[in-house]
Amino acid sequence: MFDVLGWIGAALILAAYFQASRNVWPAHRSLNASVNLVGAALLASNALHRGAFPNFGLEIIFCLIAIRVIYLDKK
């Protein structure tokens, strides 16, 4: 199950990156950050389950960045 969650998370992050590169979902907007947040959280759950702590830490940082973008976009 965690493998499936990891793959979904990776797909979400790639989708957000692709849409941002086409200026469909600008990187500084909540939609892009929300998709990245969910993707990073899913990848973090996979990394934690596997004991991949460096990857887990990186994904948590990505989650915090996404939360900050969402917060700033809502102001």
C-alpha atoms as a PDB file:
ATOM      1  CA  MET A   1       0.000   0.000   0.000  1.00  0.00           C
ATOM      2  CA  PHE A   2       2.795   2.443   0.828  1.00  0.00           C
ATOM      3  CA  ASP A   3       4.325   1.844  -2.598  1.00  0.00           C
ATOM      4  CA  VAL A   4       1.055   2.888  -4.234  1.00  0.00           C
ATOM      5  CA  LEU A   5       0.891   5.999  -2.052  1.00  0.00           C
ATOM      6  CA  GLY A   6       4.472   6.840  -2.992  1.00  0.00           C
ATOM      7  CA  TRP A   7       3.744   6.497  -6.699  1.00  0.00           C
ATOM      8  CA  ILE A   8       0.632   8.660  -6.399  1.00  0.00           C
ATOM      9  CA  GLY A   9       2.664  11.275  -4.508  1.00  0.00           C
ATOM     10  CA  ALA A  10       5.361  11.261  -7.176  1.00  0.00           C
ATOM     11  CA  ALA A  11       2.741  11.620  -9.912  1.00  0.00           C
ATOM     12  CA  LEU A  12       1.140  14.576  -8.121  1.00  0.00           C
ATOM     13  CA  ILE A  13       4.459  16.372  -7.727  1.00  0.00           C
ATOM     14  CA  LEU A  14       5.327  15.757 -11.381  1.00  0.00           C
ATOM     15  CA  ALA A  15       1.888  17.013 -12.443  1.00  0.00           C
ATOM     16  CA  ALA A  16       2.308  20.191 -10.390  1.00  0.00           C
ATOM     17  CA  TYR A  17       5.771  20.763 -11.828  1.00  0.00           C
ATOM     18  CA  PHE A  18       4.514  20.200 -15.381  1.00  0.00           C
ATOM     19  CA  GLN A  19       1.586  22.580 -14.906  1.00  0.00           C
ATOM     20  CA  ALA A  20       3.838  25.229 -13.326  1.00  0.00           C
ATOM     21  CA  SER A  21       6.299  24.961 -16.214  1.00  0.00           C
ATOM     22  CA  ARG A  22       3.439  25.724 -18.593  1.00  0.00           C
ATOM     23  CA  ASN A  23       2.139  28.591 -16.401  1.00  0.00           C
ATOM     24  CA  VAL A  24      -1.159  26.758 -15.965  1.00  0.00           C
ATOM     25  CA  TRP A  25      -0.729  26.501 -12.188  1.00  0.00           C
ATOM     26  CA  PRO A  26       1.721  29.241 -11.183  1.00  0.00           C
ATOM     27  CA  ALA A  27       4.164  28.021  -8.530  1.00  0.00           C
ATOM     28  CA  HIS A  28       3.268  30.855  -6.150  1.00  0.00           C
ATOM     29  CA  ARG A  29      -0.450  29.964  -6.048  1.00  0.00           C
ATOM     30  CA  SER A  30      -2.401  27.733  -3.681  1.00  0.00           C
ATOM     31  CA  LEU A  31      -3.486  25.143  -6.249  1.00  0.00           C
ATOM     32  CA  ASN A  32       0.076  24.239  -7.195  1.00  0.00           C
ATOM     33  CA  ALA A  33       1.199  24.276  -3.565  1.00  0.00           C
ATOM     34  CA  SER A  34      -1.749  22.115  -2.493  1.00  0.00           C
ATOM     35  CA  VAL A  35      -0.963  19.453  -5.075  1.00  0.00           C
ATOM     36  CA  ASN A  36       2.701  19.564  -4.051  1.00  0.00           C
ATOM     37  CA  LEU A  37       1.710  19.327  -0.378  1.00  0.00           C
ATOM     38  CA  VAL A  38      -0.382  16.206  -0.896  1.00  0.00           C
ATOM     39  CA  GLY A  39       2.286  14.656  -3.111  1.00  0.00           C
ATOM     40  CA  ALA A  40       5.062  15.376  -0.630  1.00  0.00           C
ATOM     41  CA  ALA A  41       2.977  14.048   2.265  1.00  0.00           C
ATOM     42  CA  LEU A  42       2.345  10.797   0.390  1.00  0.00           C
ATOM     43  CA  LEU A  43       6.025  10.442  -0.467  1.00  0.00           C
ATOM     44  CA  ALA A  44       6.909  11.218   3.154  1.00  0.00           C
ATOM     45  CA  SER A  45       4.624   8.434   4.370  1.00  0.00           C
ATOM     46  CA  ASN A  46       6.322   6.018   1.971  1.00  0.00           C
ATOM     47  CA  ALA A  47       9.789   7.136   3.059  1.00  0.00           C
ATOM     48  CA  LEU A  48       8.918   6.841   6.754  1.00  0.00           C
ATOM     49  CA  HIS A  49       7.491   3.372   6.224  1.00  0.00           C
ATOM     50  CA  ARG A  50      10.711   2.294   4.501  1.00  0.00           C
ATOM     51  CA  GLY A  51      12.977   3.979   7.056  1.00  0.00           C
ATOM     52  CA  ALA A  52      14.402   6.332   4.430  1.00  0.00           C
ATOM     53  CA  PHE A  53      14.882   9.180   6.894  1.00  0.00           C
ATOM     54  CA  PRO A  54      16.838  11.597   4.640  1.00  0.00           C
ATOM     55  CA  ASN A  55      14.064  11.377   2.050  1.00  0.00           C
ATOM     56  CA  PHE A  56      11.439  11.712   4.785  1.00  0.00           C
ATOM     57  CA  GLY A  57      13.132  14.893   6.060  1.00  0.00           C
ATOM     58  CA  LEU A  58      13.268  16.345   2.557  1.00  0.00           C
ATOM     59  CA  GLU A  59       9.574  15.675   1.976  1.00  0.00           C
ATOM     60  CA  ILE A  60       8.644  17.270   5.296  1.00  0.00           C
ATOM     61  CA  ILE A  61      10.574  20.392   4.262  1.00  0.00           C
ATOM     62  CA  PHE A  62       8.693  20.384   0.945  1.00  0.00           C
ATOM     63  CA  CYS A  63       5.435  20.152   2.922  1.00  0.00           C
ATOM     64  CA  LEU A  64       6.417  23.149   5.048  1.00  0.00           C
ATOM     65  CA  ILE A  65       7.299  25.171   1.951  1.00  0.00           C
ATOM     66  CA  ALA A  66       3.940  24.316   0.379  1.00  0.00           C
ATOM     67  CA  ILE A  67       2.094  25.288   3.561  1.00  0.00           C
ATOM     68  CA  ARG A  68       3.903  28.633   3.552  1.00  0.00           C
ATOM     69  CA  VAL A  69       2.940  29.265  -0.096  1.00  0.00           C
ATOM     70  CA  ILE A  70      -0.706  28.423   0.657  1.00  0.00           C
ATOM     71  CA  TYR A  71      -0.676  30.713   3.696  1.00  0.00           C
ATOM     72  CA  LEU A  72       0.870  33.617   1.769  1.00  0.00           C
ATOM     73  CA  ASP A  73      -1.496  33.145  -1.167  1.00  0.00           C
ATOM     74  CA  LYS A  74      -4.522  33.328   1.145  1.00  0.00           C
ATOM     75  CA  LYS A  75      -3.423  36.667   2.694  1.00  0.00           C
END
